[in-house]
PDB file of all heavy atoms in Angstrom:
ATOM      1  N   TRP A   1       8.476  11.574  10.841  1.00  0.00           N
ATOM      2  CA  TRP A   1       7.278  11.806  10.153  1.00  0.00           C
ATOM      3  C   TRP A   1       7.296  11.402   8.589  1.00  0.00           C
ATOM      4  O   TRP A   1       6.362  10.970   8.093  1.00  0.00           O
ATOM      5  CB  TRP A   1       6.899  13.282  10.115  1.00  0.00           C
ATOM      6  CG  TRP A   1       6.598  13.725  11.559  1.00  0.00           C
ATOM      7  CD1 TRP A   1       7.192  14.665  12.399  1.00  0.00           C
ATOM      8  CD2 TRP A   1       5.369  13.386  12.335  1.00  0.00           C
ATOM      9  NE1 TRP A   1       6.580  14.821  13.597  1.00  0.00           N
ATOM     10  CE2 TRP A   1       5.426  13.996  13.560  1.00  0.00           C
ATOM     11  CE3 TRP A   1       4.328  12.466  12.073  1.00  0.00           C
ATOM     12  CZ2 TRP A   1       4.461  13.842  14.655  1.00  0.00           C
ATOM     13  CZ3 TRP A   1       3.322  12.322  13.112  1.00  0.00           C
ATOM     14  CH2 TRP A   1       3.423  12.981  14.312  1.00  0.00           C
ATOM     15  N   VAL A   2       8.512  11.378   8.128  1.00  0.00           N
ATOM     16  CA  VAL A   2       8.730  10.850   6.782  1.00  0.00           C
ATOM     17  C   VAL A   2       8.640   9.271   6.734  1.00  0.00           C
ATOM     18  O   VAL A   2       7.948   8.714   5.987  1.00  0.00           O
ATOM     19  CB  VAL A   2      10.038  11.330   6.127  1.00  0.00           C
ATOM     20  CG1 VAL A   2      10.255  10.672   4.816  1.00  0.00           C
ATOM     21  CG2 VAL A   2      10.117  12.915   5.953  1.00  0.00           C
ATOM     22  N   ASN A   3       9.401   8.711   7.602  1.00  0.00           N
ATOM     23  CA  ASN A   3       9.611   7.250   7.582  1.00  0.00           C
ATOM     24  C   ASN A   3       8.348   6.511   8.335  1.00  0.00           C
ATOM     25  O   ASN A   3       8.131   5.356   7.851  1.00  0.00           O
ATOM     26  CB  ASN A   3      10.887   6.843   8.280  1.00  0.00           C
ATOM     27  CG  ASN A   3      12.118   7.240   7.603  1.00  0.00           C
ATOM     28  OD1 ASN A   3      11.994   7.645   6.405  1.00  0.00           O
ATOM     29  ND2 ASN A   3      13.252   7.258   8.124  1.00  0.00           N
ATOM     30  N   ASP A   4       7.860   7.137   9.291  1.00  0.00           N
ATOM     31  CA  ASP A   4       6.774   6.377  10.016  1.00  0.00           C
ATOM     32  C   ASP A   4       5.425   6.786   9.821  1.00  0.00           C
ATOM     33  O   ASP A   4       4.408   6.147  10.061  1.00  0.00           O
ATOM     34  CB  ASP A   4       6.995   6.476  11.578  1.00  0.00           C
ATOM     35  CG  ASP A   4       8.271   5.802  11.938  1.00  0.00           C
ATOM     36  OD1 ASP A   4       9.390   6.093  11.387  1.00  0.00           O
ATOM     37  OD2 ASP A   4       8.237   4.899  12.876  1.00  0.00           O
ATOM     38  N   ALA A   5       5.267   8.004   9.250  1.00  0.00           N
ATOM     39  CA  ALA A   5       3.946   8.596   8.887  1.00  0.00           C
ATOM     40  C   ALA A   5       3.642   8.627   7.396  1.00  0.00           C
ATOM     41  O   ALA A   5       2.700   7.992   6.852  1.00  0.00           O
ATOM     42  CB  ALA A   5       3.685   9.876   9.592  1.00  0.00           C
ATOM     43  N   LEU A   6       4.528   9.464   6.704  1.00  0.00           N
ATOM     44  CA  LEU A   6       4.262   9.665   5.307  1.00  0.00           C
ATOM     45  C   LEU A   6       4.384   8.261   4.550  1.00  0.00           C
ATOM     46  O   LEU A   6       3.605   8.060   3.550  1.00  0.00           O
ATOM     47  CB  LEU A   6       5.384  10.517   4.722  1.00  0.00           C
ATOM     48  CG  LEU A   6       4.967  11.302   3.451  1.00  0.00           C
ATOM     49  CD1 LEU A   6       3.712  12.217   3.600  1.00  0.00           C
ATOM     50  CD2 LEU A   6       6.184  12.277   3.019  1.00  0.00           C
ATOM     51  N   MET A   7       5.317   7.311   4.990  1.00  0.00           N
ATOM     52  CA  MET A   7       5.432   6.095   4.224  1.00  0.00           C
ATOM     53  C   MET A   7       4.256   5.238   4.490  1.00  0.00           C
ATOM     54  O   MET A   7       4.045   4.220   3.846  1.00  0.00           O
ATOM     55  CB  MET A   7       6.755   5.358   4.648  1.00  0.00           C
ATOM     56  CG  MET A   7       7.966   6.041   4.037  1.00  0.00           C
ATOM     57  SD  MET A   7       8.052   5.802   2.214  1.00  0.00           S
ATOM     58  CE  MET A   7       8.457   4.096   2.140  1.00  0.00           C
ATOM     59  N   THR A   8       3.383   5.525   5.405  1.00  0.00           N
ATOM     60  CA  THR A   8       2.152   4.669   5.597  1.00  0.00           C
ATOM     61  C   THR A   8       1.311   4.775   4.377  1.00  0.00           C
ATOM     62  O   THR A   8       0.702   3.817   3.969  1.00  0.00           O
ATOM     63  CB  THR A   8       1.431   5.196   6.885  1.00  0.00           C
ATOM     64  OG1 THR A   8       2.215   5.195   7.989  1.00  0.00           O
ATOM     65  CG2 THR A   8       0.153   4.418   7.039  1.00  0.00           C
ATOM     66  N   VAL A   9       1.261   5.949   3.669  1.00  0.00           N
ATOM     67  CA  VAL A   9       0.508   6.050   2.395  1.00  0.00           C
ATOM     68  C   VAL A   9       1.112   5.219   1.333  1.00  0.00           C
ATOM     69  O   VAL A   9       0.493   4.527   0.505  1.00  0.00           O
ATOM     70  CB  VAL A   9       0.490   7.527   1.987  1.00  0.00           C
ATOM     71  CG1 VAL A   9      -0.284   7.703   0.731  1.00  0.00           C
ATOM     72  CG2 VAL A   9       0.060   8.505   3.122  1.00  0.00           C
ATOM     73  N   PHE A  10       2.559   5.076   1.303  1.00  0.00           N
ATOM     74  CA  PHE A  10       3.224   4.214   0.399  1.00  0.00           C
ATOM     75  C   PHE A  10       2.779   2.750   0.729  1.00  0.00           C
ATOM     76  O   PHE A  10       2.419   2.018  -0.284  1.00  0.00           O
ATOM     77  CB  PHE A  10       4.692   4.240   0.499  1.00  0.00           C
ATOM     78  CG  PHE A  10       5.462   3.131  -0.022  1.00  0.00           C
ATOM     79  CD1 PHE A  10       5.804   3.153  -1.431  1.00  0.00           C
ATOM     80  CD2 PHE A  10       5.917   2.097   0.771  1.00  0.00           C
ATOM     81  CE1 PHE A  10       6.527   2.155  -1.948  1.00  0.00           C
ATOM     82  CE2 PHE A  10       6.696   1.087   0.153  1.00  0.00           C
ATOM     83  CZ  PHE A  10       7.046   1.120  -1.170  1.00  0.00           C
ATOM     84  N   PHE A  11       2.729   2.390   1.870  1.00  0.00           N
ATOM     85  CA  PHE A  11       2.280   1.016   2.227  1.00  0.00           C
ATOM     86  C   PHE A  11       0.860   0.785   1.949  1.00  0.00           C
ATOM     87  O   PHE A  11       0.385  -0.309   1.688  1.00  0.00           O
ATOM     88  CB  PHE A  11       2.620   0.675   3.591  1.00  0.00           C
ATOM     89  CG  PHE A  11       3.997   0.176   3.811  1.00  0.00           C
ATOM     90  CD1 PHE A  11       5.136   1.171   4.214  1.00  0.00           C
ATOM     91  CD2 PHE A  11       4.461  -1.181   3.629  1.00  0.00           C
ATOM     92  CE1 PHE A  11       6.377   0.739   4.300  1.00  0.00           C
ATOM     93  CE2 PHE A  11       5.801  -1.451   3.734  1.00  0.00           C
ATOM     94  CZ  PHE A  11       6.813  -0.532   4.080  1.00  0.00           C
ATOM     95  N   LEU A  12       0.003   1.860   2.082  1.00  0.00           N
ATOM     96  CA  LEU A  12      -1.389   1.700   1.871  1.00  0.00           C
ATOM     97  C   LEU A  12      -1.499   1.415   0.288  1.00  0.00           C
ATOM     98  O   LEU A  12      -2.462   0.466  -0.071  1.00  0.00           O
ATOM     99  CB  LEU A  12      -2.110   3.077   1.990  1.00  0.00           C
ATOM    100  CG  LEU A  12      -3.629   3.269   1.565  1.00  0.00           C
ATOM    101  CD1 LEU A  12      -4.477   2.218   2.277  1.00  0.00           C
ATOM    102  CD2 LEU A  12      -4.117   4.594   1.831  1.00  0.00           C
ATOM    103  N   VAL A  13      -0.909   2.118  -0.624  1.00  0.00           N
ATOM    104  CA  VAL A  13      -0.813   1.742  -1.996  1.00  0.00           C
ATOM    105  C   VAL A  13      -0.330   0.279  -2.298  1.00  0.00           C
ATOM    106  O   VAL A  13      -0.981  -0.383  -3.105  1.00  0.00           O
ATOM    107  CB  VAL A  13      -0.142   2.751  -2.772  1.00  0.00           C
ATOM    108  CG1 VAL A  13      -0.011   2.321  -4.279  1.00  0.00           C
ATOM    109  CG2 VAL A  13      -0.708   4.155  -2.697  1.00  0.00           C
ATOM    110  N   VAL A  14       0.669  -0.093  -1.539  1.00  0.00           N
ATOM    111  CA  VAL A  14       1.211  -1.490  -1.696  1.00  0.00           C
ATOM    112  C   VAL A  14       0.085  -2.445  -1.255  1.00  0.00           C
ATOM    113  O   VAL A  14      -0.245  -3.498  -1.948  1.00  0.00           O
ATOM    114  CB  VAL A  14       2.432  -1.732  -0.920  1.00  0.00           C
ATOM    115  CG1 VAL A  14       2.721  -3.275  -0.741  1.00  0.00           C
ATOM    116  CG2 VAL A  14       3.598  -0.807  -1.296  1.00  0.00           C
ATOM    117  N   GLY A  15      -0.660  -2.281  -0.274  1.00  0.00           N
ATOM    118  CA  GLY A  15      -1.692  -3.104   0.200  1.00  0.00           C
ATOM    119  C   GLY A  15      -2.770  -3.129  -0.800  1.00  0.00           C
ATOM    120  O   GLY A  15      -3.386  -4.206  -1.045  1.00  0.00           O
ATOM    121  N   MET A  16      -3.148  -2.031  -1.381  1.00  0.00           N
ATOM    122  CA  MET A  16      -4.165  -2.000  -2.403  1.00  0.00           C
ATOM    123  C   MET A  16      -3.840  -2.661  -3.690  1.00  0.00           C
ATOM    124  O   MET A  16      -4.566  -3.532  -4.284  1.00  0.00           O
ATOM    125  CB  MET A  16      -4.626  -0.655  -2.682  1.00  0.00           C
ATOM    126  CG  MET A  16      -5.526   0.004  -1.573  1.00  0.00           C
ATOM    127  SD  MET A  16      -6.289   1.628  -1.967  1.00  0.00           S
ATOM    128  CE  MET A  16      -4.869   2.637  -1.907  1.00  0.00           C
ATOM    129  N   GLU A  17      -2.527  -2.645  -4.057  1.00  0.00           N
ATOM    130  CA  GLU A  17      -2.031  -3.414  -5.234  1.00  0.00           C
ATOM    131  C   GLU A  17      -2.138  -4.852  -5.030  1.00  0.00           C
ATOM    132  O   GLU A  17      -2.514  -5.640  -5.890  1.00  0.00           O
ATOM    133  CB  GLU A  17      -0.508  -3.089  -5.481  1.00  0.00           C
ATOM    134  CG  GLU A  17      -0.229  -1.652  -6.087  1.00  0.00           C
ATOM    135  CD  GLU A  17       1.166  -1.310  -6.073  1.00  0.00           C
ATOM    136  OE1 GLU A  17       2.030  -2.251  -5.985  1.00  0.00           O
ATOM    137  OE2 GLU A  17       1.539  -0.164  -6.345  1.00  0.00           O
ATOM    138  N   ILE A  18      -1.792  -5.330  -3.852  1.00  0.00           N
ATOM    139  CA  ILE A  18      -1.854  -6.643  -3.415  1.00  0.00           C
ATOM    140  C   ILE A  18      -3.276  -7.205  -3.404  1.00  0.00           C
ATOM    141  O   ILE A  18      -3.596  -8.219  -4.006  1.00  0.00           O
ATOM    142  CB  ILE A  18      -1.254  -6.913  -2.004  1.00  0.00           C
ATOM    143  CG1 ILE A  18       0.271  -6.613  -2.052  1.00  0.00           C
ATOM    144  CG2 ILE A  18      -1.528  -8.439  -1.521  1.00  0.00           C
ATOM    145  CD1 ILE A  18       0.887  -6.611  -0.625  1.00  0.00           C
ATOM    146  N   ARG A  19      -4.169  -6.311  -2.867  1.00  0.00           N
ATOM    147  CA  ARG A  19      -5.608  -6.723  -2.852  1.00  0.00           C
ATOM    148  C   ARG A  19      -6.147  -6.884  -4.218  1.00  0.00           C
ATOM    149  O   ARG A  19      -6.932  -7.770  -4.572  1.00  0.00           O
ATOM    150  CB  ARG A  19      -6.397  -5.612  -2.081  1.00  0.00           C
ATOM    151  CG  ARG A  19      -7.935  -5.884  -1.927  1.00  0.00           C
ATOM    152  CD  ARG A  19      -8.168  -7.050  -0.968  1.00  0.00           C
ATOM    153  NE  ARG A  19      -9.567  -7.343  -0.904  1.00  0.00           N
ATOM    154  CZ  ARG A  19     -10.191  -8.365  -1.619  1.00  0.00           C
ATOM    155  NH1 ARG A  19      -9.518  -9.042  -2.461  1.00  0.00           N
ATOM    156  NH2 ARG A  19     -11.417  -8.595  -1.313  1.00  0.00           N
ATOM    157  N   ARG A  20      -5.846  -5.932  -5.151  1.00  0.00           N
ATOM    158  CA  ARG A  20      -6.299  -5.978  -6.516  1.00  0.00           C
ATOM    159  C   ARG A  20      -5.754  -7.286  -7.278  1.00  0.00           C
ATOM    160  O   ARG A  20      -6.565  -7.875  -7.981  1.00  0.00           O
ATOM    161  CB  ARG A  20      -5.971  -4.667  -7.168  1.00  0.00           C
ATOM    162  CG  ARG A  20      -6.517  -4.604  -8.584  1.00  0.00           C
ATOM    163  CD  ARG A  20      -6.322  -3.183  -9.127  1.00  0.00           C
ATOM    164  NE  ARG A  20      -4.920  -2.679  -8.930  1.00  0.00           N
ATOM    165  CZ  ARG A  20      -3.894  -2.954  -9.602  1.00  0.00           C
ATOM    166  NH1 ARG A  20      -3.958  -3.803 -10.614  1.00  0.00           N
ATOM    167  NH2 ARG A  20      -2.694  -2.337  -9.378  1.00  0.00           N
ATOM    168  N   GLU A  21      -4.471  -7.523  -7.038  1.00  0.00           N
ATOM    169  CA  GLU A  21      -3.824  -8.674  -7.807  1.00  0.00           C
ATOM    170  C   GLU A  21      -4.483  -9.890  -7.255  1.00  0.00           C
ATOM    171  O   GLU A  21      -4.660 -10.878  -8.070  1.00  0.00           O
ATOM    172  CB  GLU A  21      -2.343  -8.582  -7.544  1.00  0.00           C
ATOM    173  CG  GLU A  21      -1.664  -7.472  -8.291  1.00  0.00           C
ATOM    174  CD  GLU A  21      -1.830  -7.512  -9.816  1.00  0.00           C
ATOM    175  OE1 GLU A  21      -1.729  -8.660 -10.348  1.00  0.00           O
ATOM    176  OE2 GLU A  21      -1.934  -6.556 -10.418  1.00  0.00           O
ATOM    177  N   ILE A  22      -4.788 -10.040  -5.907  1.00  0.00           N
ATOM    178  CA  ILE A  22      -5.477 -11.274  -5.423  1.00  0.00           C
ATOM    179  C   ILE A  22      -6.770 -11.454  -5.980  1.00  0.00           C
ATOM    180  O   ILE A  22      -7.214 -12.540  -6.321  1.00  0.00           O
ATOM    181  CB  ILE A  22      -5.444 -11.182  -3.880  1.00  0.00           C
ATOM    182  CG1 ILE A  22      -3.939 -11.389  -3.357  1.00  0.00           C
ATOM    183  CG2 ILE A  22      -6.237 -12.347  -3.339  1.00  0.00           C
ATOM    184  CD1 ILE A  22      -3.849 -11.172  -1.857  1.00  0.00           C
ATOM    185  N   HIS A  23      -7.468 -10.355  -6.192  1.00  0.00           N
ATOM    186  CA  HIS A  23      -8.884 -10.440  -6.604  1.00  0.00           C
ATOM    187  C   HIS A  23      -9.014 -10.787  -8.043  1.00  0.00           C
ATOM    188  O   HIS A  23      -9.692 -11.594  -8.456  1.00  0.00           O
ATOM    189  CB  HIS A  23      -9.607  -9.014  -6.313  1.00  0.00           C
ATOM    190  CG  HIS A  23     -10.994  -9.044  -6.902  1.00  0.00           C
ATOM    191  ND1 HIS A  23     -12.003  -9.830  -6.481  1.00  0.00           N
ATOM    192  CD2 HIS A  23     -11.496  -8.164  -7.820  1.00  0.00           C
ATOM    193  CE1 HIS A  23     -13.083  -9.460  -7.123  1.00  0.00           C
ATOM    194  NE2 HIS A  23     -12.811  -8.536  -7.962  1.00  0.00           N
ATOM    195  N   GLU A  24      -8.293 -10.052  -8.941  1.00  0.00           N
ATOM    196  CA  GLU A  24      -8.575 -10.309 -10.401  1.00  0.00           C
ATOM    197  C   GLU A  24      -7.177 -10.060 -11.161  1.00  0.00           C
ATOM    198  O   GLU A  24      -7.291 -10.036 -12.455  1.00  0.00           O
ATOM    199  CB  GLU A  24      -9.533  -9.323 -10.871  1.00  0.00           C
ATOM    200  CG  GLU A  24      -9.222  -7.803 -10.712  1.00  0.00           C
ATOM    201  CD  GLU A  24     -10.324  -6.859 -11.284  1.00  0.00           C
ATOM    202  OE1 GLU A  24     -11.371  -7.370 -11.614  1.00  0.00           O
ATOM    203  OE2 GLU A  24     -10.212  -5.666 -11.195  1.00  0.00           O
ATOM    204  N   GLY A  25      -6.116 -10.057 -10.484  1.00  0.00           N
ATOM    205  CA  GLY A  25      -4.794  -9.981 -11.295  1.00  0.00           C
ATOM    206  C   GLY A  25      -4.031 -11.237 -11.375  1.00  0.00           C
ATOM    207  O   GLY A  25      -4.659 -12.360 -11.330  1.00  0.00           O
TER     208      GLY A  25
END
């Protein structure tokens, strides 16, 4: 639950960082 579920939120933030940087970063 830590590595496969909770870390999904970590990857969600990573995905949003990438999306924001591609858009205007």
